[in-house]
Amino acid sequence: MLEVACEEKRKLPVINFPFMEKYGIFCGFTSRSGGLSRNGYRHLNLAYHVGENTGTVYKNRRLVLDAIGSASCELLSSRQVHGNNIIHIGSSIENHGGDIPIEADCLITGRADTPLMVMGADCSLILIADIEKKIIAALHAGWKGTFEQLTIKVLDYLKDRFKCRAHDMLAFIGPCIRKCCYTVGQDMIKNFSYRFGNTEHIITGKQRHHLDLAGLNISMLVNGGLSPGNIRDCNICSCCDERFYSYRRNKTTGRHGAIIEIRS
């Protein structure tokens, strides 16, 4: 089992993976605690798009960078749209306070000191690192991204473009809504069953139906060649655990982050 820790980093709780330090890679997941946000966004909202003052969000992002010891001045994130577009971040990319004005739900880079972030308030947030080629990815997979098999697309992209090998890749699943809380309608169950077949991650009942988005994405990682031993799931339900943001629990809410960075 991969090592995991929930540490206080300069008064900011971060779920992180200390063993990754030997590979020169940081990866971790923030909670709601430690920031400056107020009202429904309190306290560490990292998203510009949810209606909070952008200056407060920028300050929260700087708090995170300081807490995790990043040398960068920006946490890079894209305009997440529940799609399957991928951005490869090369030598430079336009951003405003870390916000890249491109619609995408996955960021990939091989650049050092370039922290990538995807955000969620129930959606599956997945971090992937090739520890040999030093290529990293951060992806956001809600039910639409999961249905469109974004995780498989990202793995194929890494293999095709960078010649990454599955046995060199490690994957990390952050806090997200789990099957205990993610009830869905009959139509969605039918569509997922048609696409993914008979699986334990699609649960039908007499009155309620549930989806296990994290389980579906883990299955895609395994089907893409990753060993189960190279996958770490924090097993936290964002809807159950009020340390994290949940759109299902409260429609006016912030976003926690999944962050990955190659260190120089």
C-alpha atoms as a PDB file:
ATOM      1  CA  MET A   1       0.000   0.000   0.000  1.00  0.00           C
ATOM      2  CA  LEU A   2       1.289   3.443  -0.891  1.00  0.00           C
ATOM      3  CA  GLU A   3       2.218   5.759   1.947  1.00  0.00           C
ATOM      4  CA  VAL A   4      -0.144   8.654   2.638  1.00  0.00           C
ATOM      5  CA  ALA A   5      -0.239  11.401   5.233  1.00  0.00           C
ATOM      6  CA  CYS A   6      -2.554  14.223   6.194  1.00  0.00           C
ATOM      7  CA  GLU A   7      -0.187  16.927   7.375  1.00  0.00           C
ATOM      8  CA  GLU A   8      -0.488  20.432   8.699  1.00  0.00           C
ATOM      9  CA  LYS A   9       1.617  22.446   6.282  1.00  0.00           C
ATOM     10  CA  ARG A  10       1.934  25.919   7.795  1.00  0.00           C
ATOM     11  CA  LYS A  11      -1.555  25.622   9.329  1.00  0.00           C
ATOM     12  CA  LEU A  12      -3.058  24.293   6.103  1.00  0.00           C
ATOM     13  CA  PRO A  13      -4.198  20.638   6.110  1.00  0.00           C
ATOM     14  CA  VAL A  14      -3.032  18.764   2.997  1.00  0.00           C
ATOM     15  CA  ILE A  15      -3.465  15.090   2.153  1.00  0.00           C
ATOM     16  CA  ASN A  16      -0.125  14.241   0.596  1.00  0.00           C
ATOM     17  CA  PHE A  17       2.156  11.324  -0.235  1.00  0.00           C
ATOM     18  CA  PRO A  18       5.564  11.733   1.431  1.00  0.00           C
ATOM     19  CA  PHE A  19       7.246   8.880  -0.470  1.00  0.00           C
ATOM     20  CA  MET A  20       6.893  10.899  -3.701  1.00  0.00           C
ATOM     21  CA  GLU A  21       9.567  13.285  -2.467  1.00  0.00           C
ATOM     22  CA  LYS A  22      12.269  10.785  -3.473  1.00  0.00           C
ATOM     23  CA  TYR A  23      11.052  11.116  -7.071  1.00  0.00           C
ATOM     24  CA  GLY A  24      11.110  14.915  -6.919  1.00  0.00           C
ATOM     25  CA  ILE A  25       7.334  15.168  -7.241  1.00  0.00           C
ATOM     26  CA  PHE A  26       4.749  16.712  -4.925  1.00  0.00           C
ATOM     27  CA  CYS A  27       1.143  15.622  -5.084  1.00  0.00           C
ATOM     28  CA  GLY A  28      -1.642  16.337  -2.659  1.00  0.00           C
ATOM     29  CA  PHE A  29      -5.243  17.356  -2.005  1.00  0.00           C
ATOM     30  CA  THR A  30      -6.409  20.399  -0.094  1.00  0.00           C
ATOM     31  CA  SER A  31      -9.421  20.629   2.208  1.00  0.00           C
ATOM     32  CA  ARG A  32     -11.688  23.560   3.082  1.00  0.00           C
ATOM     33  CA  SER A  33      -9.494  24.664   5.982  1.00  0.00           C
ATOM     34  CA  GLY A  34      -6.849  27.359   6.239  1.00  0.00           C
ATOM     35  CA  GLY A  35      -8.027  30.050   3.830  1.00  0.00           C
ATOM     36  CA  LEU A  36      -9.599  33.494   3.763  1.00  0.00           C
ATOM     37  CA  SER A  37     -12.973  32.793   2.123  1.00  0.00           C
ATOM     38  CA  ARG A  38     -16.218  33.588   3.903  1.00  0.00           C
ATOM     39  CA  ASN A  39     -19.896  32.625   3.793  1.00  0.00           C
ATOM     40  CA  GLY A  40     -20.639  29.514   1.722  1.00  0.00           C
ATOM     41  CA  TYR A  41     -17.116  29.512   0.282  1.00  0.00           C
ATOM     42  CA  ARG A  42     -15.297  29.280   3.577  1.00  0.00           C
ATOM     43  CA  HIS A  43     -12.435  28.841   4.037  1.00  0.00           C
ATOM     44  CA  LEU A  44     -10.030  27.729   1.279  1.00  0.00           C
ATOM     45  CA  ASN A  45     -11.929  28.089  -1.982  1.00  0.00           C
ATOM     46  CA  LEU A  46      -9.481  27.780  -4.891  1.00  0.00           C
ATOM     47  CA  ALA A  47     -11.884  28.346  -7.805  1.00  0.00           C
ATOM     48  CA  TYR A  48     -12.350  31.640  -9.608  1.00  0.00           C
ATOM     49  CA  HIS A  49     -15.582  30.598 -11.334  1.00  0.00           C
ATOM     50  CA  VAL A  50     -17.942  30.030  -8.404  1.00  0.00           C
ATOM     51  CA  GLY A  51     -18.847  33.647  -7.658  1.00  0.00           C
ATOM     52  CA  GLU A  52     -16.358  34.585  -4.958  1.00  0.00           C
ATOM     53  CA  ASN A  53     -14.140  37.672  -5.092  1.00  0.00           C
ATOM     54  CA  THR A  54     -11.181  36.834  -7.351  1.00  0.00           C
ATOM     55  CA  GLY A  55      -8.739  38.628  -5.072  1.00  0.00           C
ATOM     56  CA  THR A  56      -9.619  36.313  -2.200  1.00  0.00           C
ATOM     57  CA  VAL A  57      -9.213  33.249  -4.407  1.00  0.00           C
ATOM     58  CA  TYR A  58      -5.804  34.481  -5.557  1.00  0.00           C
ATOM     59  CA  LYS A  59      -4.707  34.949  -1.930  1.00  0.00           C
ATOM     60  CA  ASN A  60      -5.940  31.436  -1.087  1.00  0.00           C
ATOM     61  CA  ARG A  61      -3.895  30.027  -3.947  1.00  0.00           C
ATOM     62  CA  ARG A  62      -0.805  31.840  -2.704  1.00  0.00           C
ATOM     63  CA  LEU A  63      -1.391  30.386   0.762  1.00  0.00           C
ATOM     64  CA  VAL A  64      -1.417  26.909  -0.774  1.00  0.00           C
ATOM     65  CA  LEU A  65       1.780  27.523  -2.766  1.00  0.00           C
ATOM     66  CA  ASP A  66       3.511  28.726   0.400  1.00  0.00           C
ATOM     67  CA  ALA A  67       2.193  25.812   2.435  1.00  0.00           C
ATOM     68  CA  ILE A  68       3.391  23.122   0.016  1.00  0.00           C
ATOM     69  CA  GLY A  69       6.759  24.800  -0.495  1.00  0.00           C
ATOM     70  CA  SER A  70       6.371  25.487  -4.200  1.00  0.00           C
ATOM     71  CA  ALA A  71       8.819  27.807  -5.940  1.00  0.00           C
ATOM     72  CA  SER A  72       6.112  28.851  -8.414  1.00  0.00           C
ATOM     73  CA  CYS A  73       4.063  32.028  -8.142  1.00  0.00           C
ATOM     74  CA  GLU A  74       0.973  30.456  -9.773  1.00  0.00           C
ATOM     75  CA  LEU A  75      -1.221  27.385  -9.345  1.00  0.00           C
ATOM     76  CA  LEU A  76      -2.210  26.584 -12.932  1.00  0.00           C
ATOM     77  CA  SER A  77      -5.797  25.537 -13.595  1.00  0.00           C
ATOM     78  CA  SER A  78      -8.007  25.492 -16.689  1.00  0.00           C
ATOM     79  CA  ARG A  79     -11.675  26.255 -17.338  1.00  0.00           C
ATOM     80  CA  GLN A  80     -13.188  22.921 -16.322  1.00  0.00           C
ATOM     81  CA  VAL A  81     -16.291  22.080 -18.355  1.00  0.00           C
ATOM     82  CA  HIS A  82     -16.910  18.376 -17.612  1.00  0.00           C
ATOM     83  CA  GLY A  83     -15.403  17.443 -20.961  1.00  0.00           C
ATOM     84  CA  ASN A  84     -12.435  15.390 -22.120  1.00  0.00           C
ATOM     85  CA  ASN A  85     -10.061  18.031 -23.517  1.00  0.00           C
ATOM     86  CA  ILE A  86      -6.382  17.848 -22.517  1.00  0.00           C
ATOM     87  CA  ILE A  87      -3.882  20.730 -22.303  1.00  0.00           C
ATOM     88  CA  HIS A  88      -0.159  20.040 -22.596  1.00  0.00           C
ATOM     89  CA  ILE A  89       1.713  22.848 -20.852  1.00  0.00           C
ATOM     90  CA  GLY A  90       5.037  23.443 -22.566  1.00  0.00           C
ATOM     91  CA  SER A  91       7.453  26.359 -22.302  1.00  0.00           C
ATOM     92  CA  SER A  92       4.777  28.969 -21.597  1.00  0.00           C
ATOM     93  CA  ILE A  93       1.041  29.404 -21.485  1.00  0.00           C
ATOM     94  CA  GLU A  94      -1.200  32.429 -20.992  1.00  0.00           C
ATOM     95  CA  ASN A  95      -2.783  32.606 -17.566  1.00  0.00           C
ATOM     96  CA  HIS A  96      -4.366  35.181 -15.295  1.00  0.00           C
ATOM     97  CA  GLY A  97      -3.600  34.526 -11.652  1.00  0.00           C
ATOM     98  CA  GLY A  98      -3.087  30.885 -12.594  1.00  0.00           C
ATOM     99  CA  ASP A  99      -6.353  30.684 -14.547  1.00  0.00           C
ATOM    100  CA  ILE A 100      -5.689  29.387 -18.082  1.00  0.00           C
ATOM    101  CA  PRO A 101      -8.416  30.715 -20.425  1.00  0.00           C
ATOM    102  CA  ILE A 102      -8.877  27.371 -22.183  1.00  0.00           C
ATOM    103  CA  GLU A 103     -11.631  24.818 -21.609  1.00  0.00           C
ATOM    104  CA  ALA A 104     -10.086  21.536 -20.475  1.00  0.00           C
ATOM    105  CA  ASP A 105     -10.427  18.955 -17.746  1.00  0.00           C
ATOM    106  CA  CYS A 106      -6.869  17.657 -17.787  1.00  0.00           C
ATOM    107  CA  LEU A 107      -3.490  19.382 -17.542  1.00  0.00           C
ATOM    108  CA  ILE A 108      -0.214  17.628 -18.398  1.00  0.00           C
ATOM    109  CA  THR A 109       3.387  18.832 -18.169  1.00  0.00           C
ATOM    110  CA  GLY A 110       6.982  17.742 -17.916  1.00  0.00           C
ATOM    111  CA  ARG A 111       8.140  21.168 -16.729  1.00  0.00           C
ATOM    112  CA  ALA A 112       9.606  21.619 -13.271  1.00  0.00           C
ATOM    113  CA  ASP A 113       8.170  24.170 -10.842  1.00  0.00           C
ATOM    114  CA  THR A 114       4.865  24.226 -12.722  1.00  0.00           C
ATOM    115  CA  PRO A 115       2.167  23.137 -10.269  1.00  0.00           C
ATOM    116  CA  LEU A 116      -0.976  21.815 -11.947  1.00  0.00           C
ATOM    117  CA  MET A 117      -4.346  21.919 -10.210  1.00  0.00           C
ATOM    118  CA  VAL A 118      -7.804  20.556 -10.874  1.00  0.00           C
ATOM    119  CA  MET A 119     -10.669  21.444  -8.549  1.00  0.00           C
ATOM    120  CA  GLY A 120     -13.828  19.787  -7.364  1.00  0.00           C
ATOM    121  CA  ALA A 121     -16.728  19.771  -4.958  1.00  0.00           C
ATOM    122  CA  ASP A 122     -17.754  16.111  -5.437  1.00  0.00           C
ATOM    123  CA  CYS A 123     -16.147  15.237  -8.799  1.00  0.00           C
ATOM    124  CA  SER A 124     -13.303  12.730  -8.947  1.00  0.00           C
ATOM    125  CA  LEU A 125      -9.895  14.417  -8.928  1.00  0.00           C
ATOM    126  CA  ILE A 126      -7.050  12.230 -10.153  1.00  0.00           C
ATOM    127  CA  LEU A 127      -3.295  12.859 -10.172  1.00  0.00           C
ATOM    128  CA  ILE A 128      -0.945  10.761 -12.309  1.00  0.00           C
ATOM    129  CA  ALA A 129       2.864  10.782 -12.280  1.00  0.00           C
ATOM    130  CA  ASP A 130       5.335   8.925 -14.473  1.00  0.00           C
ATOM    131  CA  ILE A 131       8.243   8.677 -12.046  1.00  0.00           C
ATOM    132  CA  GLU A 132      10.763   7.699 -14.732  1.00  0.00           C
ATOM    133  CA  LYS A 133      10.028  10.233 -17.461  1.00  0.00           C
ATOM    134  CA  LYS A 134       8.930  12.919 -14.981  1.00  0.00           C
ATOM    135  CA  ILE A 135       5.612  13.621 -16.672  1.00  0.00           C
ATOM    136  CA  ILE A 136       2.604  14.587 -14.545  1.00  0.00           C
ATOM    137  CA  ALA A 137      -1.132  14.942 -15.126  1.00  0.00           C
ATOM    138  CA  ALA A 138      -4.068  16.337 -13.166  1.00  0.00           C
ATOM    139  CA  LEU A 139      -7.584  15.457 -14.271  1.00  0.00           C
ATOM    140  CA  HIS A 140     -11.129  16.295 -13.241  1.00  0.00           C
ATOM    141  CA  ALA A 141     -13.723  13.578 -13.857  1.00  0.00           C
ATOM    142  CA  GLY A 142     -17.311  14.175 -12.804  1.00  0.00           C
ATOM    143  CA  TRP A 143     -20.013  11.880 -14.086  1.00  0.00           C
ATOM    144  CA  LYS A 144     -19.679  13.291 -17.605  1.00  0.00           C
ATOM    145  CA  GLY A 145     -15.882  12.937 -17.703  1.00  0.00           C
ATOM    146  CA  THR A 146     -16.155   9.462 -16.253  1.00  0.00           C
ATOM    147  CA  PHE A 147     -18.822   8.485 -18.789  1.00  0.00           C
ATOM    148  CA  GLU A 148     -16.626   9.863 -21.600  1.00  0.00           C
ATOM    149  CA  GLN A 149     -13.714   7.818 -20.186  1.00  0.00           C
ATOM    150  CA  LEU A 150     -11.385  10.772 -19.735  1.00  0.00           C
ATOM    151  CA  THR A 151      -9.030   8.659 -17.623  1.00  0.00           C
ATOM    152  CA  ILE A 152      -8.472   6.222 -20.507  1.00  0.00           C
ATOM    153  CA  LYS A 153      -7.921   9.120 -22.903  1.00  0.00           C
ATOM    154  CA  VAL A 154      -5.301  10.633 -20.582  1.00  0.00           C
ATOM    155  CA  LEU A 155      -3.428   7.348 -20.248  1.00  0.00           C
ATOM    156  CA  ASP A 156      -3.433   6.910 -24.029  1.00  0.00           C
ATOM    157  CA  TYR A 157      -2.170  10.480 -24.431  1.00  0.00           C
ATOM    158  CA  LEU A 158       0.686   9.873 -21.985  1.00  0.00           C
ATOM    159  CA  LYS A 159       1.667   6.652 -23.725  1.00  0.00           C
ATOM    160  CA  ASP A 160       1.412   8.003 -27.266  1.00  0.00           C
ATOM    161  CA  ARG A 161       2.939  11.460 -26.836  1.00  0.00           C
ATOM    162  CA  PHE A 162       5.522  10.832 -24.120  1.00  0.00           C
ATOM    163  CA  LYS A 163       6.069   7.056 -24.426  1.00  0.00           C
ATOM    164  CA  CYS A 164       5.094   6.622 -20.785  1.00  0.00           C
ATOM    165  CA  ARG A 165       4.844   3.051 -19.561  1.00  0.00           C
ATOM    166  CA  ALA A 166       2.033   1.944 -17.287  1.00  0.00           C
ATOM    167  CA  HIS A 167       4.333   0.291 -14.749  1.00  0.00           C
ATOM    168  CA  ASP A 168       6.156   3.611 -14.222  1.00  0.00           C
ATOM    169  CA  MET A 169       2.952   5.516 -13.470  1.00  0.00           C
ATOM    170  CA  LEU A 170       1.422   6.173 -10.056  1.00  0.00           C
ATOM    171  CA  ALA A 171      -2.122   7.472  -9.611  1.00  0.00           C
ATOM    172  CA  PHE A 172      -3.850   9.180  -6.693  1.00  0.00           C
ATOM    173  CA  ILE A 173      -7.611   9.598  -6.153  1.00  0.00           C
ATOM    174  CA  GLY A 174      -8.741  12.484  -3.969  1.00  0.00           C
ATOM    175  CA  PRO A 175     -11.832  13.260  -1.915  1.00  0.00           C
ATOM    176  CA  CYS A 176     -14.995  13.014  -4.031  1.00  0.00           C
ATOM    177  CA  ILE A 177     -18.594  11.958  -3.680  1.00  0.00           C
ATOM    178  CA  ARG A 178     -18.764   8.216  -3.082  1.00  0.00           C
ATOM    179  CA  LYS A 179     -21.374   5.571  -3.786  1.00  0.00           C
ATOM    180  CA  CYS A 180     -22.825   6.050  -0.308  1.00  0.00           C
ATOM    181  CA  CYS A 181     -24.089   9.517  -1.306  1.00  0.00           C
ATOM    182  CA  TYR A 182     -24.161   9.546  -5.099  1.00  0.00           C
ATOM    183  CA  THR A 183     -27.718   8.593  -5.935  1.00  0.00           C
ATOM    184  CA  VAL A 184     -28.704   8.884  -9.604  1.00  0.00           C
ATOM    185  CA  GLY A 185     -31.733   8.295 -11.795  1.00  0.00           C
ATOM    186  CA  GLN A 186     -32.725   5.246 -13.793  1.00  0.00           C
ATOM    187  CA  ASP A 187     -31.694   6.790 -17.115  1.00  0.00           C
ATOM    188  CA  MET A 188     -28.149   7.434 -15.929  1.00  0.00           C
ATOM    189  CA  ILE A 189     -27.868   3.910 -14.581  1.00  0.00           C
ATOM    190  CA  LYS A 190     -28.974   2.524 -17.945  1.00  0.00           C
ATOM    191  CA  ASN A 191     -26.469   4.656 -19.840  1.00  0.00           C
ATOM    192  CA  PHE A 192     -23.567   3.732 -17.561  1.00  0.00           C
ATOM    193  CA  SER A 193     -24.516   0.054 -17.643  1.00  0.00           C
ATOM    194  CA  TYR A 194     -24.594   0.138 -21.445  1.00  0.00           C
ATOM    195  CA  ARG A 195     -21.134   1.710 -21.592  1.00  0.00           C
ATOM    196  CA  PHE A 196     -19.366  -0.107 -18.758  1.00  0.00           C
ATOM    197  CA  GLY A 197     -21.270  -3.373 -18.595  1.00  0.00           C
ATOM    198  CA  ASN A 198     -21.994  -5.370 -15.465  1.00  0.00           C
ATOM    199  CA  THR A 199     -19.778  -3.894 -12.742  1.00  0.00           C
ATOM    200  CA  GLU A 200     -19.920  -3.525  -8.985  1.00  0.00           C
ATOM    201  CA  HIS A 201     -19.502   0.229  -9.419  1.00  0.00           C
ATOM    202  CA  ILE A 202     -23.019   0.622 -10.849  1.00  0.00           C
ATOM    203  CA  ILE A 203     -25.517  -0.219  -8.116  1.00  0.00           C
ATOM    204  CA  THR A 204     -29.184  -0.655  -8.865  1.00  0.00           C
ATOM    205  CA  GLY A 205     -31.835  -0.831  -6.157  1.00  0.00           C
ATOM    206  CA  LYS A 206     -35.583  -0.995  -5.847  1.00  0.00           C
ATOM    207  CA  GLN A 207     -35.905   2.698  -5.021  1.00  0.00           C
ATOM    208  CA  ARG A 208     -32.412   4.194  -5.230  1.00  0.00           C
ATOM    209  CA  HIS A 209     -29.515   3.770  -7.654  1.00  0.00           C
ATOM    210  CA  HIS A 210     -25.903   4.644  -6.911  1.00  0.00           C
ATOM    211  CA  LEU A 211     -22.728   5.256  -8.917  1.00  0.00           C
ATOM    212  CA  ASP A 212     -19.187   4.695  -7.698  1.00  0.00           C
ATOM    213  CA  LEU A 213     -17.272   7.228  -9.801  1.00  0.00           C
ATOM    214  CA  ALA A 214     -13.976   6.651  -8.010  1.00  0.00           C
ATOM    215  CA  GLY A 215     -14.327   2.898  -8.535  1.00  0.00           C
ATOM    216  CA  LEU A 216     -15.067   3.342 -12.239  1.00  0.00           C
ATOM    217  CA  ASN A 217     -11.996   5.535 -12.679  1.00  0.00           C
ATOM    218  CA  ILE A 218      -9.802   3.124 -10.745  1.00  0.00           C
ATOM    219  CA  SER A 219     -11.015   0.337 -13.039  1.00  0.00           C
ATOM    220  CA  MET A 220     -10.014   2.467 -16.043  1.00  0.00           C
ATOM    221  CA  LEU A 221      -6.552   2.978 -14.554  1.00  0.00           C
ATOM    222  CA  VAL A 222      -6.164  -0.781 -14.076  1.00  0.00           C
ATOM    223  CA  ASN A 223      -7.500  -1.511 -17.549  1.00  0.00           C
ATOM    224  CA  GLY A 224      -4.955   1.000 -18.830  1.00  0.00           C
ATOM    225  CA  GLY A 225      -2.171  -1.119 -17.365  1.00  0.00           C
ATOM    226  CA  LEU A 226      -1.528   0.340 -13.912  1.00  0.00           C
ATOM    227  CA  SER A 227      -0.980  -2.137 -11.141  1.00  0.00           C
ATOM    228  CA  PRO A 228      -3.519  -1.811  -8.299  1.00  0.00           C
ATOM    229  CA  GLY A 229      -0.484  -1.354  -6.055  1.00  0.00           C
ATOM    230  CA  ASN A 230       0.378   1.826  -7.961  1.00  0.00           C
ATOM    231  CA  ILE A 231      -3.007   3.401  -7.259  1.00  0.00           C
ATOM    232  CA  ARG A 232      -3.809   5.189  -4.016  1.00  0.00           C
ATOM    233  CA  ASP A 233      -7.368   6.193  -3.143  1.00  0.00           C
ATOM    234  CA  CYS A 234      -7.854   8.413  -0.091  1.00  0.00           C
ATOM    235  CA  ASN A 235     -11.337   6.856   0.356  1.00  0.00           C
ATOM    236  CA  ILE A 236     -12.926  10.109   1.528  1.00  0.00           C
ATOM    237  CA  CYS A 237     -16.484  11.046   0.579  1.00  0.00           C
ATOM    238  CA  SER A 238     -16.699  14.798   0.029  1.00  0.00           C
ATOM    239  CA  CYS A 239     -20.448  14.745   0.654  1.00  0.00           C
ATOM    240  CA  CYS A 240     -20.149  12.926   3.996  1.00  0.00           C
ATOM    241  CA  ASP A 241     -17.031  14.698   5.241  1.00  0.00           C
ATOM    242  CA  GLU A 242     -17.611  18.412   5.860  1.00  0.00           C
ATOM    243  CA  ARG A 243     -13.878  19.098   5.811  1.00  0.00           C
ATOM    244  CA  PHE A 244     -14.320  19.170   2.026  1.00  0.00           C
ATOM    245  CA  TYR A 245     -16.561  21.046  -0.393  1.00  0.00           C
ATOM    246  CA  SER A 246     -19.664  19.308  -1.733  1.00  0.00           C
ATOM    247  CA  TYR A 247     -22.005  20.732  -4.347  1.00  0.00           C
ATOM    248  CA  ARG A 248     -24.583  18.087  -3.521  1.00  0.00           C
ATOM    249  CA  ARG A 249     -24.525  19.132   0.129  1.00  0.00           C
ATOM    250  CA  ASN A 250     -24.598  22.887  -0.583  1.00  0.00           C
ATOM    251  CA  LYS A 251     -25.083  24.481  -4.010  1.00  0.00           C
ATOM    252  CA  THR A 252     -23.258  27.664  -2.958  1.00  0.00           C
ATOM    253  CA  THR A 253     -19.831  26.295  -2.231  1.00  0.00           C
ATOM    254  CA  GLY A 254     -16.132  26.541  -3.050  1.00  0.00           C
ATOM    255  CA  ARG A 255     -13.756  24.025  -4.574  1.00  0.00           C
ATOM    256  CA  HIS A 256     -10.881  22.069  -3.034  1.00  0.00           C
ATOM    257  CA  GLY A 257      -7.876  21.258  -5.158  1.00  0.00           C
ATOM    258  CA  ALA A 258      -5.747  18.365  -6.383  1.00  0.00           C
ATOM    259  CA  ILE A 259      -2.196  19.589  -6.963  1.00  0.00           C
ATOM    260  CA  ILE A 260       0.826  17.957  -8.573  1.00  0.00           C
ATOM    261  CA  GLU A 261       4.257  19.455  -9.304  1.00  0.00           C
ATOM    262  CA  ILE A 262       7.701  18.365 -10.457  1.00  0.00           C
ATOM    263  CA  ARG A 263      10.285  19.961  -8.185  1.00  0.00           C
ATOM    264  CA  SER A 264      13.547  21.347  -9.585  1.00  0.00           C
END
